[in-house]
Amino acid sequence: MDAVTEKTVGMTVKDLQAMVDRWIQTYGVRYFSEMTNLAVLMEEVGELARLMAREYGEQSFKGARPPSDLGDEIADVLFVLTCIANQTGVDLESAMIRNLKKKTDRDRDRHRDNPKLKV
């Protein structure tokens, strides 16, 4: 199976990191520098923000509404984040587990007790 058509059902974060690395090695030649990838990430987040502002916010499309794929824009952001993790040696799965524990410890009751979030 190639880097594009391999199994995606039940993909773990580790699988995602490996799949992106295989894609880079097969089609991307090499990773862009970390700073270039940071700039690319900002571009991709901007594209996602533009679409979100028009689909879910008060902004409107100029002229006819172009076809849009929110999932594709989110995947672009995830791809570049995964590239940055891979090239800097970050295990995203472990980082997410640590991050969710940190958020749980810090915010266990914060949101539940926030009157602004009461329905």
N, C-alpha and C. Protein backbone atom coordinates (compact mmCIF):
# COMPACT_ATOMS: atom_id res chain seq x y z
N MET A 1 0.83 -1.18 0.00
CA MET A 1 0.00 0.00 0.00
C MET A 1 0.88 1.25 0.00
N ASP A 2 0.46 2.28 -0.74
CA ASP A 2 1.29 3.48 -0.76
C ASP A 2 0.87 4.47 0.33
N ALA A 3 1.58 5.57 0.42
CA ALA A 3 1.37 6.54 1.49
C ALA A 3 0.01 7.21 1.42
N VAL A 4 -0.68 7.10 0.30
CA VAL A 4 -1.98 7.76 0.17
C VAL A 4 -3.13 6.79 0.38
N THR A 5 -2.99 5.54 -0.04
CA THR A 5 -4.12 4.62 -0.01
C THR A 5 -4.07 3.62 1.13
N GLU A 6 -3.13 3.76 2.04
CA GLU A 6 -3.03 2.78 3.12
C GLU A 6 -4.23 2.84 4.05
N LYS A 7 -4.34 1.85 4.89
CA LYS A 7 -5.44 1.70 5.85
C LYS A 7 -5.60 2.96 6.69
N THR A 8 -6.85 3.42 6.82
CA THR A 8 -7.10 4.58 7.67
C THR A 8 -8.13 4.26 8.74
N VAL A 9 -8.80 3.12 8.66
CA VAL A 9 -9.80 2.76 9.66
C VAL A 9 -9.08 2.42 10.96
N GLY A 10 -9.49 3.05 12.04
CA GLY A 10 -8.85 2.79 13.33
C GLY A 10 -7.45 3.35 13.43
N MET A 11 -7.15 4.38 12.64
CA MET A 11 -5.82 4.97 12.65
C MET A 11 -5.53 5.62 14.00
N THR A 12 -4.38 5.33 14.56
CA THR A 12 -3.94 5.99 15.79
C THR A 12 -3.16 7.24 15.41
N VAL A 13 -2.85 8.04 16.41
CA VAL A 13 -2.02 9.23 16.17
C VAL A 13 -0.63 8.78 15.72
N LYS A 14 -0.12 7.71 16.30
CA LYS A 14 1.18 7.18 15.87
C LYS A 14 1.12 6.76 14.41
N ASP A 15 0.01 6.13 14.00
CA ASP A 15 -0.18 5.76 12.60
C ASP A 15 -0.17 6.99 11.71
N LEU A 16 -0.85 8.05 12.16
CA LEU A 16 -0.90 9.30 11.39
C LEU A 16 0.51 9.85 11.21
N GLN A 17 1.28 9.90 12.29
CA GLN A 17 2.64 10.42 12.18
C GLN A 17 3.47 9.58 11.22
N ALA A 18 3.32 8.27 11.26
CA ALA A 18 4.08 7.40 10.36
C ALA A 18 3.62 7.58 8.91
N MET A 19 2.31 7.72 8.71
CA MET A 19 1.78 7.89 7.35
C MET A 19 2.26 9.20 6.74
N VAL A 20 2.24 10.27 7.52
CA VAL A 20 2.72 11.56 7.02
C VAL A 20 4.21 11.47 6.70
N ASP A 21 4.98 10.82 7.57
CA ASP A 21 6.41 10.67 7.31
C ASP A 21 6.66 9.89 6.03
N ARG A 22 5.91 8.80 5.83
CA ARG A 22 6.05 8.04 4.58
C ARG A 22 5.71 8.90 3.37
N TRP A 23 4.66 9.73 3.48
CA TRP A 23 4.28 10.59 2.38
C TRP A 23 5.41 11.57 2.06
N ILE A 24 5.97 12.18 3.11
CA ILE A 24 7.07 13.12 2.91
C ILE A 24 8.24 12.42 2.23
N GLN A 25 8.61 11.23 2.71
CA GLN A 25 9.75 10.51 2.14
C GLN A 25 9.48 10.07 0.70
N THR A 26 8.22 9.77 0.37
CA THR A 26 7.86 9.27 -0.96
C THR A 26 7.62 10.39 -1.96
N TYR A 27 6.87 11.41 -1.55
CA TYR A 27 6.44 12.45 -2.48
C TYR A 27 6.99 13.84 -2.17
N GLY A 28 7.33 14.10 -0.94
CA GLY A 28 7.72 15.44 -0.55
C GLY A 28 9.20 15.71 -0.60
N VAL A 29 9.99 14.72 -0.92
CA VAL A 29 11.45 14.77 -0.99
C VAL A 29 12.05 14.90 0.41
N ARG A 30 11.70 15.95 1.15
CA ARG A 30 12.17 16.14 2.52
C ARG A 30 11.20 17.10 3.21
N TYR A 31 11.31 17.18 4.52
CA TYR A 31 10.51 18.16 5.26
C TYR A 31 11.02 19.56 4.94
N PHE A 32 10.10 20.52 4.85
CA PHE A 32 10.51 21.92 4.82
C PHE A 32 11.15 22.21 6.18
N SER A 33 11.89 23.30 6.28
CA SER A 33 12.47 23.66 7.57
C SER A 33 11.34 23.92 8.57
N GLU A 34 11.69 23.86 9.83
CA GLU A 34 10.70 24.08 10.88
C GLU A 34 10.04 25.46 10.74
N MET A 35 10.82 26.48 10.43
CA MET A 35 10.27 27.82 10.29
C MET A 35 9.39 27.93 9.05
N THR A 36 9.77 27.26 7.96
CA THR A 36 8.91 27.26 6.77
C THR A 36 7.61 26.56 7.09
N ASN A 37 7.69 25.42 7.81
CA ASN A 37 6.46 24.72 8.17
C ASN A 37 5.59 25.56 9.10
N LEU A 38 6.21 26.35 9.97
CA LEU A 38 5.42 27.24 10.82
C LEU A 38 4.66 28.25 9.95
N ALA A 39 5.33 28.80 8.95
CA ALA A 39 4.67 29.74 8.03
C ALA A 39 3.56 29.05 7.25
N VAL A 40 3.81 27.83 6.79
CA VAL A 40 2.78 27.07 6.07
C VAL A 40 1.60 26.80 6.99
N LEU A 41 1.87 26.47 8.25
CA LEU A 41 0.80 26.24 9.22
C LEU A 41 -0.07 27.49 9.36
N MET A 42 0.57 28.65 9.46
CA MET A 42 -0.19 29.90 9.59
C MET A 42 -1.06 30.13 8.35
N GLU A 43 -0.52 29.82 7.16
CA GLU A 43 -1.31 29.94 5.93
C GLU A 43 -2.54 29.02 5.99
N GLU A 44 -2.32 27.77 6.40
CA GLU A 44 -3.41 26.81 6.43
C GLU A 44 -4.46 27.19 7.48
N VAL A 45 -4.01 27.66 8.64
CA VAL A 45 -4.95 28.10 9.67
C VAL A 45 -5.75 29.30 9.16
N GLY A 46 -5.09 30.18 8.41
CA GLY A 46 -5.79 31.32 7.82
C GLY A 46 -6.86 30.87 6.84
N GLU A 47 -6.57 29.88 6.03
CA GLU A 47 -7.57 29.36 5.09
C GLU A 47 -8.75 28.76 5.84
N LEU A 48 -8.46 28.03 6.91
CA LEU A 48 -9.52 27.46 7.74
C LEU A 48 -10.34 28.57 8.38
N ALA A 49 -9.67 29.59 8.91
CA ALA A 49 -10.37 30.70 9.56
C ALA A 49 -11.26 31.44 8.57
N ARG A 50 -10.77 31.64 7.37
CA ARG A 50 -11.56 32.33 6.33
C ARG A 50 -12.84 31.56 6.05
N LEU A 51 -12.71 30.25 5.87
CA LEU A 51 -13.89 29.42 5.60
C LEU A 51 -14.85 29.42 6.79
N MET A 52 -14.32 29.26 7.99
CA MET A 52 -15.17 29.24 9.19
C MET A 52 -15.92 30.57 9.36
N ALA A 53 -15.23 31.69 9.10
CA ALA A 53 -15.86 33.01 9.24
C ALA A 53 -17.03 33.16 8.27
N ARG A 54 -16.94 32.52 7.11
CA ARG A 54 -17.99 32.63 6.12
C ARG A 54 -19.08 31.58 6.29
N GLU A 55 -18.70 30.39 6.71
CA GLU A 55 -19.68 29.32 6.90
C GLU A 55 -20.45 29.46 8.21
N TYR A 56 -19.74 29.85 9.28
CA TYR A 56 -20.34 29.85 10.62
C TYR A 56 -20.37 31.23 11.27
N GLY A 57 -19.69 32.18 10.69
CA GLY A 57 -19.63 33.53 11.26
C GLY A 57 -20.45 34.50 10.44
N GLU A 58 -20.17 35.78 10.63
CA GLU A 58 -20.95 36.83 9.99
C GLU A 58 -20.40 37.24 8.63
N GLN A 59 -19.21 36.78 8.26
CA GLN A 59 -18.64 37.12 6.96
C GLN A 59 -19.46 36.48 5.85
N SER A 60 -19.42 37.08 4.67
CA SER A 60 -20.09 36.50 3.50
C SER A 60 -19.05 36.24 2.42
N PHE A 61 -19.39 35.35 1.52
CA PHE A 61 -18.53 35.08 0.38
C PHE A 61 -18.67 36.22 -0.61
N LYS A 62 -17.61 36.53 -1.32
CA LYS A 62 -17.68 37.53 -2.39
C LYS A 62 -18.22 36.83 -3.62
N GLY A 63 -19.29 37.34 -4.19
CA GLY A 63 -19.86 36.74 -5.39
C GLY A 63 -20.47 35.39 -5.09
N ALA A 64 -20.42 34.51 -6.07
CA ALA A 64 -20.99 33.17 -5.92
C ALA A 64 -20.21 32.39 -4.87
N ARG A 65 -20.92 31.61 -4.10
CA ARG A 65 -20.29 30.81 -3.05
C ARG A 65 -19.50 29.67 -3.68
N PRO A 66 -18.19 29.66 -3.46
CA PRO A 66 -17.37 28.58 -4.03
C PRO A 66 -17.58 27.29 -3.24
N PRO A 67 -17.36 26.16 -3.89
CA PRO A 67 -17.44 24.90 -3.13
C PRO A 67 -16.36 24.88 -2.05
N SER A 68 -16.71 24.38 -0.88
CA SER A 68 -15.74 24.34 0.21
C SER A 68 -15.81 22.98 0.90
N ASP A 69 -14.69 22.60 1.47
CA ASP A 69 -14.60 21.33 2.16
C ASP A 69 -13.90 21.58 3.50
N LEU A 70 -14.71 21.77 4.54
CA LEU A 70 -14.18 22.06 5.87
C LEU A 70 -13.22 20.96 6.32
N GLY A 71 -13.58 19.71 6.07
CA GLY A 71 -12.72 18.59 6.47
C GLY A 71 -11.36 18.67 5.82
N ASP A 72 -11.31 19.07 4.56
CA ASP A 72 -10.05 19.18 3.85
C ASP A 72 -9.18 20.28 4.46
N GLU A 73 -9.81 21.41 4.82
CA GLU A 73 -9.05 22.50 5.44
C GLU A 73 -8.50 22.09 6.80
N ILE A 74 -9.29 21.39 7.59
CA ILE A 74 -8.83 20.90 8.89
C ILE A 74 -7.70 19.89 8.70
N ALA A 75 -7.84 19.02 7.70
CA ALA A 75 -6.80 18.03 7.41
C ALA A 75 -5.50 18.71 6.99
N ASP A 76 -5.59 19.81 6.23
CA ASP A 76 -4.37 20.55 5.86
C ASP A 76 -3.63 21.03 7.11
N VAL A 77 -4.38 21.57 8.08
CA VAL A 77 -3.77 22.03 9.34
C VAL A 77 -3.14 20.85 10.08
N LEU A 78 -3.88 19.74 10.17
CA LEU A 78 -3.37 18.57 10.88
C LEU A 78 -2.12 18.01 10.21
N PHE A 79 -2.10 18.01 8.87
CA PHE A 79 -0.94 17.52 8.13
C PHE A 79 0.31 18.32 8.50
N VAL A 80 0.21 19.65 8.46
CA VAL A 80 1.38 20.47 8.74
C VAL A 80 1.78 20.35 10.21
N LEU A 81 0.80 20.31 11.12
CA LEU A 81 1.13 20.10 12.54
C LEU A 81 1.87 18.77 12.72
N THR A 82 1.42 17.76 12.00
CA THR A 82 2.06 16.44 12.09
C THR A 82 3.48 16.50 11.54
N CYS A 83 3.68 17.25 10.45
CA CYS A 83 5.03 17.42 9.92
C CYS A 83 5.94 18.07 10.96
N ILE A 84 5.45 19.12 11.60
CA ILE A 84 6.25 19.81 12.62
C ILE A 84 6.57 18.86 13.78
N ALA A 85 5.59 18.08 14.21
CA ALA A 85 5.84 17.12 15.28
C ALA A 85 6.90 16.11 14.85
N ASN A 86 6.76 15.57 13.65
CA ASN A 86 7.71 14.57 13.17
C ASN A 86 9.13 15.13 13.12
N GLN A 87 9.29 16.31 12.57
CA GLN A 87 10.64 16.82 12.37
C GLN A 87 11.28 17.34 13.65
N THR A 88 10.47 17.56 14.69
CA THR A 88 11.03 18.02 15.97
C THR A 88 11.04 16.92 17.02
N GLY A 89 10.63 15.70 16.63
CA GLY A 89 10.70 14.57 17.55
C GLY A 89 9.59 14.51 18.58
N VAL A 90 8.46 15.17 18.31
CA VAL A 90 7.34 15.15 19.24
C VAL A 90 6.45 13.95 18.95
N ASP A 91 6.21 13.14 19.97
CA ASP A 91 5.25 12.05 19.88
C ASP A 91 3.88 12.65 20.22
N LEU A 92 3.07 12.89 19.18
CA LEU A 92 1.79 13.57 19.38
C LEU A 92 0.85 12.81 20.29
N GLU A 93 0.88 11.49 20.21
CA GLU A 93 -0.02 10.70 21.06
C GLU A 93 0.30 10.93 22.54
N SER A 94 1.57 10.83 22.89
CA SER A 94 1.98 11.07 24.28
C SER A 94 1.72 12.52 24.68
N ALA A 95 2.00 13.45 23.77
CA ALA A 95 1.78 14.87 24.06
C ALA A 95 0.31 15.15 24.32
N MET A 96 -0.58 14.55 23.55
CA MET A 96 -2.02 14.76 23.74
C MET A 96 -2.48 14.18 25.07
N ILE A 97 -1.98 13.02 25.42
CA ILE A 97 -2.36 12.41 26.70
C ILE A 97 -1.92 13.32 27.85
N ARG A 98 -0.67 13.80 27.79
CA ARG A 98 -0.18 14.72 28.83
C ARG A 98 -1.00 16.02 28.85
N ASN A 99 -1.32 16.53 27.67
CA ASN A 99 -2.05 17.78 27.58
C ASN A 99 -3.46 17.66 28.13
N LEU A 100 -4.14 16.55 27.83
CA LEU A 100 -5.49 16.36 28.36
C LEU A 100 -5.47 16.17 29.88
N LYS A 101 -4.42 15.51 30.40
CA LYS A 101 -4.30 15.39 31.86
C LYS A 101 -4.11 16.76 32.48
N LYS A 102 -3.24 17.58 31.88
CA LYS A 102 -3.02 18.94 32.38
C LYS A 102 -4.32 19.74 32.39
N LYS A 103 -5.07 19.67 31.29
CA LYS A 103 -6.34 20.40 31.20
C LYS A 103 -7.34 19.88 32.22
N THR A 104 -7.38 18.56 32.41
CA THR A 104 -8.30 17.97 33.38
C THR A 104 -7.96 18.42 34.79
N ASP A 105 -6.68 18.35 35.13
CA ASP A 105 -6.25 18.78 36.47
C ASP A 105 -6.56 20.25 36.71
N ARG A 106 -6.32 21.07 35.72
CA ARG A 106 -6.50 22.51 35.85
C ARG A 106 -7.97 22.94 35.76
N ASP A 107 -8.72 22.30 34.88
CA ASP A 107 -10.06 22.79 34.54
C ASP A 107 -11.18 21.83 34.93
N ARG A 108 -10.89 20.91 35.83
CA ARG A 108 -11.87 19.88 36.21
C ARG A 108 -13.25 20.47 36.46
N ASP A 109 -13.34 21.55 37.22
CA ASP A 109 -14.64 22.14 37.56
C ASP A 109 -14.85 23.52 36.93
N ARG A 110 -13.82 24.06 36.36
CA ARG A 110 -13.87 25.44 35.86
C ARG A 110 -15.02 25.67 34.88
N HIS A 111 -15.17 24.84 33.89
CA HIS A 111 -16.19 25.04 32.87
C HIS A 111 -17.58 24.67 33.38
N ARG A 112 -17.63 23.63 34.19
CA ARG A 112 -18.91 23.24 34.79
C ARG A 112 -19.47 24.35 35.67
N ASP A 113 -18.58 25.08 36.34
CA ASP A 113 -18.99 26.14 37.26
C ASP A 113 -19.11 27.51 36.59
N ASN A 114 -18.88 27.58 35.30
CA ASN A 114 -18.93 28.85 34.58
C ASN A 114 -20.39 29.18 34.22
N PRO A 115 -20.97 30.22 34.82
CA PRO A 115 -22.38 30.55 34.52
C PRO A 115 -22.59 30.95 33.06
N LYS A 116 -21.54 31.39 32.38
CA LYS A 116 -21.66 31.78 30.98
C LYS A 116 -21.92 30.57 30.08
N LEU A 117 -21.60 29.38 30.58
CA LEU A 117 -21.78 28.17 29.78
C LEU A 117 -23.07 27.42 30.11
N LYS A 118 -23.82 27.92 31.07
CA LYS A 118 -25.08 27.27 31.44
C LYS A 118 -26.11 27.47 30.32
N VAL A 119 -26.83 26.43 30.04
CA VAL A 119 -27.85 26.52 28.97
C VAL A 119 -29.20 26.84 29.56
